[in-house]
Amino acid sequence: MPAAPGKAGDPRWPAFAAGYGLDPAAPTTGPDRRHAHPEGCAGKICSDPKGFIAGQVRVEPKEYAYQWMSGDDTSDKYRNLWVRIICDPSLVKLADLRKPSFDSGEFAKAEQGKVGGRTVLVKVPNKEFRAFRDVAWVERKGVVVSVTVSQPLFADLGKVVKGIQVK
C-alpha cells in the first residue's frame, strides 16, 4: 500500500510519520475515499474509526481496502483495522472463501460463526499472527468483505462488522 497521510491536528502524527518515513507536514483526516471502486462494488464504513493516527486506501481492479493504524507496530497496544472489499463473481457462498483461489488470507480452516449479526468465517490465528483476528463473509453474490483487527480491537470487532455497508 502507498504511504499514508496522517490525521490533521493529531499531536502524535509527527513522531508516527517520522517512524514510517512519511511526510509530517502532510496530514489529512484519514483514508481518501474519492478513489473509484470496482464496478458494482462500492462500500463504506459507517463512521471513521476513532483513535487512529493514519489511514490509507488501496484500489485494484477487483478489490479495494481501507486501513487505519496507530502506535508502534512492535507494541502490544498497536491498533490496526483493515477492511477489504473483494469483487469476484466466483465467490457466491461462504464455502467459496475456503478455496485456495480466495486471495484474502487463509480461510480453509476457519470456523463459521456470528459476528456483528453476520454469518462469517473466523480465521483461527496462527502463532505468527495471533495478535490479529480475521473474519470474512459474502455480502452478496460476487462481493466479499474481509476485516482484520489487531488485538486491542478484538472487543470492537462485532461493532466494526455491523457498521460496514456495501452498496
C-alpha atoms as a PDB file:
ATOM      1  CA  MET A   1       0.000   0.000   0.000  1.00  0.00           C
ATOM      2  CA  PRO A   2       1.182   3.549  -0.595  1.00  0.00           C
ATOM      3  CA  ALA A   3       2.377   5.761   2.225  1.00  0.00           C
ATOM      4  CA  ALA A   4      -0.478   7.032   4.348  1.00  0.00           C
ATOM      5  CA  PRO A   5      -1.143  10.612   5.350  1.00  0.00           C
ATOM      6  CA  GLY A   6      -1.938  11.253   8.983  1.00  0.00           C
ATOM      7  CA  LYS A   7      -4.739  12.922  10.844  1.00  0.00           C
ATOM      8  CA  ALA A   8      -4.678  16.711  10.868  1.00  0.00           C
ATOM      9  CA  GLY A   9      -4.158  18.161  14.331  1.00  0.00           C
ATOM     10  CA  ASP A  10      -3.104  14.910  15.986  1.00  0.00           C
ATOM     11  CA  PRO A  11      -0.063  15.709  18.157  1.00  0.00           C
ATOM     12  CA  ARG A  12       1.180  12.124  17.723  1.00  0.00           C
ATOM     13  CA  TRP A  13       1.399  12.473  13.936  1.00  0.00           C
ATOM     14  CA  PRO A  14       4.944  13.946  13.585  1.00  0.00           C
ATOM     15  CA  ALA A  15       6.562  11.101  15.554  1.00  0.00           C
ATOM     16  CA  PHE A  16       4.454   8.474  13.798  1.00  0.00           C
ATOM     17  CA  ALA A  17       5.266   9.948  10.374  1.00  0.00           C
ATOM     18  CA  ALA A  18       8.988  10.072  11.142  1.00  0.00           C
ATOM     19  CA  GLY A  19       8.952   6.424  12.226  1.00  0.00           C
ATOM     20  CA  TYR A  20       7.349   5.299   8.955  1.00  0.00           C
ATOM     21  CA  GLY A  21       9.131   7.636   6.555  1.00  0.00           C
ATOM     22  CA  LEU A  22       6.006   9.709   5.874  1.00  0.00           C
ATOM     23  CA  ASP A  23       5.799  13.472   5.397  1.00  0.00           C
ATOM     24  CA  PRO A  24       4.975  15.034   8.798  1.00  0.00           C
ATOM     25  CA  ALA A  25       3.880  18.233   7.017  1.00  0.00           C
ATOM     26  CA  ALA A  26       1.140  16.477   5.015  1.00  0.00           C
ATOM     27  CA  PRO A  27      -1.551  15.244   7.429  1.00  0.00           C
ATOM     28  CA  THR A  28      -5.159  14.713   6.331  1.00  0.00           C
ATOM     29  CA  THR A  29      -8.292  13.400   8.003  1.00  0.00           C
ATOM     30  CA  GLY A  30      -7.809   9.735   7.046  1.00  0.00           C
ATOM     31  CA  PRO A  31      -8.200   7.453   4.028  1.00  0.00           C
ATOM     32  CA  ASP A  32      -9.105   9.270   0.835  1.00  0.00           C
ATOM     33  CA  ARG A  33     -12.447   7.823  -0.198  1.00  0.00           C
ATOM     34  CA  ARG A  34     -12.587   9.543  -3.590  1.00  0.00           C
ATOM     35  CA  HIS A  35     -10.911   6.617  -5.345  1.00  0.00           C
ATOM     36  CA  ALA A  36     -13.049   4.769  -7.865  1.00  0.00           C
ATOM     37  CA  HIS A  37     -14.371   1.455  -6.618  1.00  0.00           C
ATOM     38  CA  PRO A  38     -14.574  -1.621  -8.806  1.00  0.00           C
ATOM     39  CA  GLU A  39     -17.776  -1.713 -10.866  1.00  0.00           C
ATOM     40  CA  GLY A  40     -20.822  -2.667  -8.757  1.00  0.00           C
ATOM     41  CA  CYS A  41     -18.804  -2.972  -5.583  1.00  0.00           C
ATOM     42  CA  ALA A  42     -18.992   0.289  -3.639  1.00  0.00           C
ATOM     43  CA  GLY A  43     -18.848   0.118   0.136  1.00  0.00           C
ATOM     44  CA  LYS A  44     -18.220   2.260   3.161  1.00  0.00           C
ATOM     45  CA  ILE A  45     -17.558   2.209   6.864  1.00  0.00           C
ATOM     46  CA  CYS A  46     -20.476   3.858   8.663  1.00  0.00           C
ATOM     47  CA  SER A  47     -18.183   6.170  10.576  1.00  0.00           C
ATOM     48  CA  ASP A  48     -14.465   6.797  10.704  1.00  0.00           C
ATOM     49  CA  PRO A  49     -12.865   4.703  13.405  1.00  0.00           C
ATOM     50  CA  LYS A  50     -11.663   6.814  16.339  1.00  0.00           C
ATOM     51  CA  GLY A  51      -8.174   6.985  17.806  1.00  0.00           C
ATOM     52  CA  PHE A  52      -6.149   6.225  14.696  1.00  0.00           C
ATOM     53  CA  ILE A  53      -3.241   8.340  13.523  1.00  0.00           C
ATOM     54  CA  ALA A  54      -3.009   7.331   9.869  1.00  0.00           C
ATOM     55  CA  GLY A  55      -5.087   5.738   7.178  1.00  0.00           C
ATOM     56  CA  GLN A  56      -4.665   4.616   3.612  1.00  0.00           C
ATOM     57  CA  VAL A  57      -6.653   3.175   0.758  1.00  0.00           C
ATOM     58  CA  ARG A  58      -5.735   0.646  -1.913  1.00  0.00           C
ATOM     59  CA  VAL A  59      -7.755   0.237  -5.091  1.00  0.00           C
ATOM     60  CA  GLU A  60      -7.196  -2.612  -7.535  1.00  0.00           C
ATOM     61  CA  PRO A  61      -9.337  -3.912 -10.403  1.00  0.00           C
ATOM     62  CA  LYS A  62     -11.214  -6.431  -8.222  1.00  0.00           C
ATOM     63  CA  GLU A  63     -10.598  -5.111  -4.727  1.00  0.00           C
ATOM     64  CA  TYR A  64     -10.336  -2.060  -2.585  1.00  0.00           C
ATOM     65  CA  ALA A  65      -9.212  -1.757   1.001  1.00  0.00           C
ATOM     66  CA  TYR A  66      -9.179   0.794   3.792  1.00  0.00           C
ATOM     67  CA  GLN A  67      -6.565   0.539   6.529  1.00  0.00           C
ATOM     68  CA  TRP A  68      -6.220   2.566   9.715  1.00  0.00           C
ATOM     69  CA  MET A  69      -3.329   2.327  12.148  1.00  0.00           C
ATOM     70  CA  SER A  70      -1.806   3.953  15.199  1.00  0.00           C
ATOM     71  CA  GLY A  71       1.090   3.366  17.513  1.00  0.00           C
ATOM     72  CA  ASP A  72       4.252   1.354  17.236  1.00  0.00           C
ATOM     73  CA  ASP A  73       3.623  -1.878  15.331  1.00  0.00           C
ATOM     74  CA  THR A  74       6.019  -3.724  17.658  1.00  0.00           C
ATOM     75  CA  SER A  75       3.879  -2.821  20.688  1.00  0.00           C
ATOM     76  CA  ASP A  76       1.020  -4.931  22.045  1.00  0.00           C
ATOM     77  CA  LYS A  77      -1.016  -1.687  22.030  1.00  0.00           C
ATOM     78  CA  TYR A  78      -0.654  -1.314  18.239  1.00  0.00           C
ATOM     79  CA  ARG A  79      -4.076  -0.643  16.704  1.00  0.00           C
ATOM     80  CA  ASN A  80      -4.745  -1.756  13.142  1.00  0.00           C
ATOM     81  CA  LEU A  81      -8.038  -2.049  11.275  1.00  0.00           C
ATOM     82  CA  TRP A  82      -8.075  -3.288   7.691  1.00  0.00           C
ATOM     83  CA  VAL A  83     -11.283  -3.657   5.672  1.00  0.00           C
ATOM     84  CA  ARG A  84     -11.115  -5.250   2.215  1.00  0.00           C
ATOM     85  CA  ILE A  85     -13.968  -5.495  -0.269  1.00  0.00           C
ATOM     86  CA  ILE A  86     -13.316  -8.108  -2.939  1.00  0.00           C
ATOM     87  CA  CYS A  87     -15.364  -8.223  -6.159  1.00  0.00           C
ATOM     88  CA  ASP A  88     -15.171 -11.648  -7.769  1.00  0.00           C
ATOM     89  CA  PRO A  89     -18.144 -13.351  -9.456  1.00  0.00           C
ATOM     90  CA  SER A  90     -16.800 -16.803  -8.486  1.00  0.00           C
ATOM     91  CA  LEU A  91     -17.386 -16.024  -4.780  1.00  0.00           C
ATOM     92  CA  VAL A  92     -21.029 -16.851  -4.152  1.00  0.00           C
ATOM     93  CA  LYS A  93     -21.282 -18.624  -0.798  1.00  0.00           C
ATOM     94  CA  LEU A  94     -19.295 -18.788   2.427  1.00  0.00           C
ATOM     95  CA  ALA A  95     -17.732 -22.128   1.426  1.00  0.00           C
ATOM     96  CA  ASP A  96     -16.094 -20.379  -1.552  1.00  0.00           C
ATOM     97  CA  LEU A  97     -13.906 -18.467   0.900  1.00  0.00           C
ATOM     98  CA  ARG A  98     -12.258 -21.729   1.936  1.00  0.00           C
ATOM     99  CA  LYS A  99     -10.912 -22.288  -1.588  1.00  0.00           C
ATOM    100  CA  PRO A 100      -7.233 -21.605  -2.299  1.00  0.00           C
ATOM    101  CA  SER A 101      -8.223 -19.159  -5.050  1.00  0.00           C
ATOM    102  CA  PHE A 102      -9.719 -16.772  -2.468  1.00  0.00           C
ATOM    103  CA  ASP A 103      -6.961 -14.200  -2.010  1.00  0.00           C
ATOM    104  CA  SER A 104      -7.814 -12.654   1.350  1.00  0.00           C
ATOM    105  CA  GLY A 105      -5.902 -14.761   3.782  1.00  0.00           C
ATOM    106  CA  GLU A 106      -6.099 -18.423   4.627  1.00  0.00           C
ATOM    107  CA  PHE A 107      -9.705 -19.276   5.486  1.00  0.00           C
ATOM    108  CA  ALA A 108      -9.537 -23.003   4.628  1.00  0.00           C
ATOM    109  CA  LYS A 109      -9.546 -23.961   8.320  1.00  0.00           C
ATOM    110  CA  ALA A 110     -11.675 -21.036   9.517  1.00  0.00           C
ATOM    111  CA  GLU A 111     -14.595 -21.592  11.846  1.00  0.00           C
ATOM    112  CA  GLN A 112     -18.077 -20.417  10.939  1.00  0.00           C
ATOM    113  CA  GLY A 113     -19.724 -18.086  13.426  1.00  0.00           C
ATOM    114  CA  LYS A 114     -21.767 -14.948  14.007  1.00  0.00           C
ATOM    115  CA  VAL A 115     -20.030 -11.581  14.374  1.00  0.00           C
ATOM    116  CA  GLY A 116     -21.855  -8.258  14.288  1.00  0.00           C
ATOM    117  CA  GLY A 117     -25.066 -10.025  13.236  1.00  0.00           C
ATOM    118  CA  ARG A 118     -23.439 -11.547  10.139  1.00  0.00           C
ATOM    119  CA  THR A 119     -22.582 -15.174   9.388  1.00  0.00           C
ATOM    120  CA  VAL A 120     -18.831 -15.131   8.877  1.00  0.00           C
ATOM    121  CA  LEU A 121     -15.750 -17.289   8.712  1.00  0.00           C
ATOM    122  CA  VAL A 122     -13.411 -16.546  11.609  1.00  0.00           C
ATOM    123  CA  LYS A 123      -9.799 -17.314  10.860  1.00  0.00           C
ATOM    124  CA  VAL A 124      -8.052 -19.211  13.631  1.00  0.00           C
ATOM    125  CA  PRO A 125      -4.896 -17.219  14.402  1.00  0.00           C
ATOM    126  CA  ASN A 126      -1.593 -18.995  13.906  1.00  0.00           C
ATOM    127  CA  LYS A 127       1.404 -18.489  16.186  1.00  0.00           C
ATOM    128  CA  GLU A 128       2.927 -15.822  13.957  1.00  0.00           C
ATOM    129  CA  PHE A 129      -0.229 -13.698  13.658  1.00  0.00           C
ATOM    130  CA  ARG A 130      -2.032 -14.372  16.938  1.00  0.00           C
ATOM    131  CA  ALA A 131      -2.226 -10.633  17.607  1.00  0.00           C
ATOM    132  CA  PHE A 132      -4.726 -10.296  14.731  1.00  0.00           C
ATOM    133  CA  ARG A 133      -8.265 -11.544  14.180  1.00  0.00           C
ATOM    134  CA  ASP A 134      -9.674 -12.029  10.661  1.00  0.00           C
ATOM    135  CA  VAL A 135     -13.267 -12.508   9.570  1.00  0.00           C
ATOM    136  CA  ALA A 136     -14.824 -12.657   6.106  1.00  0.00           C
ATOM    137  CA  TRP A 137     -18.291 -13.003   4.660  1.00  0.00           C
ATOM    138  CA  VAL A 138     -20.136 -12.971   1.357  1.00  0.00           C
ATOM    139  CA  GLU A 139     -22.121  -9.751   1.307  1.00  0.00           C
ATOM    140  CA  ARG A 140     -23.895 -10.794  -1.890  1.00  0.00           C
ATOM    141  CA  LYS A 141     -23.068 -12.869  -4.963  1.00  0.00           C
ATOM    142  CA  GLY A 142     -19.591 -11.819  -6.112  1.00  0.00           C
ATOM    143  CA  VAL A 143     -18.906  -9.381  -3.235  1.00  0.00           C
ATOM    144  CA  VAL A 144     -16.884 -10.422  -0.195  1.00  0.00           C
ATOM    145  CA  VAL A 145     -15.855  -8.377   2.831  1.00  0.00           C
ATOM    146  CA  SER A 146     -12.782  -9.233   4.880  1.00  0.00           C
ATOM    147  CA  VAL A 147     -11.931  -7.489   8.171  1.00  0.00           C
ATOM    148  CA  THR A 148      -8.674  -7.751  10.112  1.00  0.00           C
ATOM    149  CA  VAL A 149      -8.211  -6.159  13.538  1.00  0.00           C
ATOM    150  CA  SER A 150      -5.282  -6.101  15.915  1.00  0.00           C
ATOM    151  CA  GLN A 151      -5.604  -7.375  19.484  1.00  0.00           C
ATOM    152  CA  PRO A 152      -6.597  -4.063  21.143  1.00  0.00           C
ATOM    153  CA  LEU A 153      -9.662  -4.015  18.826  1.00  0.00           C
ATOM    154  CA  PHE A 154     -10.857  -7.597  19.385  1.00  0.00           C
ATOM    155  CA  ALA A 155     -13.687  -6.387  21.648  1.00  0.00           C
ATOM    156  CA  ASP A 156     -14.870  -3.942  18.939  1.00  0.00           C
ATOM    157  CA  LEU A 157     -14.892  -6.444  16.066  1.00  0.00           C
ATOM    158  CA  GLY A 158     -18.663  -7.001  16.205  1.00  0.00           C
ATOM    159  CA  LYS A 159     -19.340  -3.272  16.102  1.00  0.00           C
ATOM    160  CA  VAL A 160     -16.935  -2.820  13.171  1.00  0.00           C
ATOM    161  CA  VAL A 161     -18.508  -5.681  11.199  1.00  0.00           C
ATOM    162  CA  LYS A 162     -22.031  -4.419  11.890  1.00  0.00           C
ATOM    163  CA  GLY A 163     -21.038  -0.919  10.726  1.00  0.00           C
ATOM    164  CA  ILE A 164     -19.857  -1.939   7.262  1.00  0.00           C
ATOM    165  CA  GLN A 165     -22.213  -1.167   4.406  1.00  0.00           C
ATOM    166  CA  VAL A 166     -21.597  -2.376   0.870  1.00  0.00           C
ATOM    167  CA  LYS A 167     -23.684  -0.805  -1.891  1.00  0.00           C
END
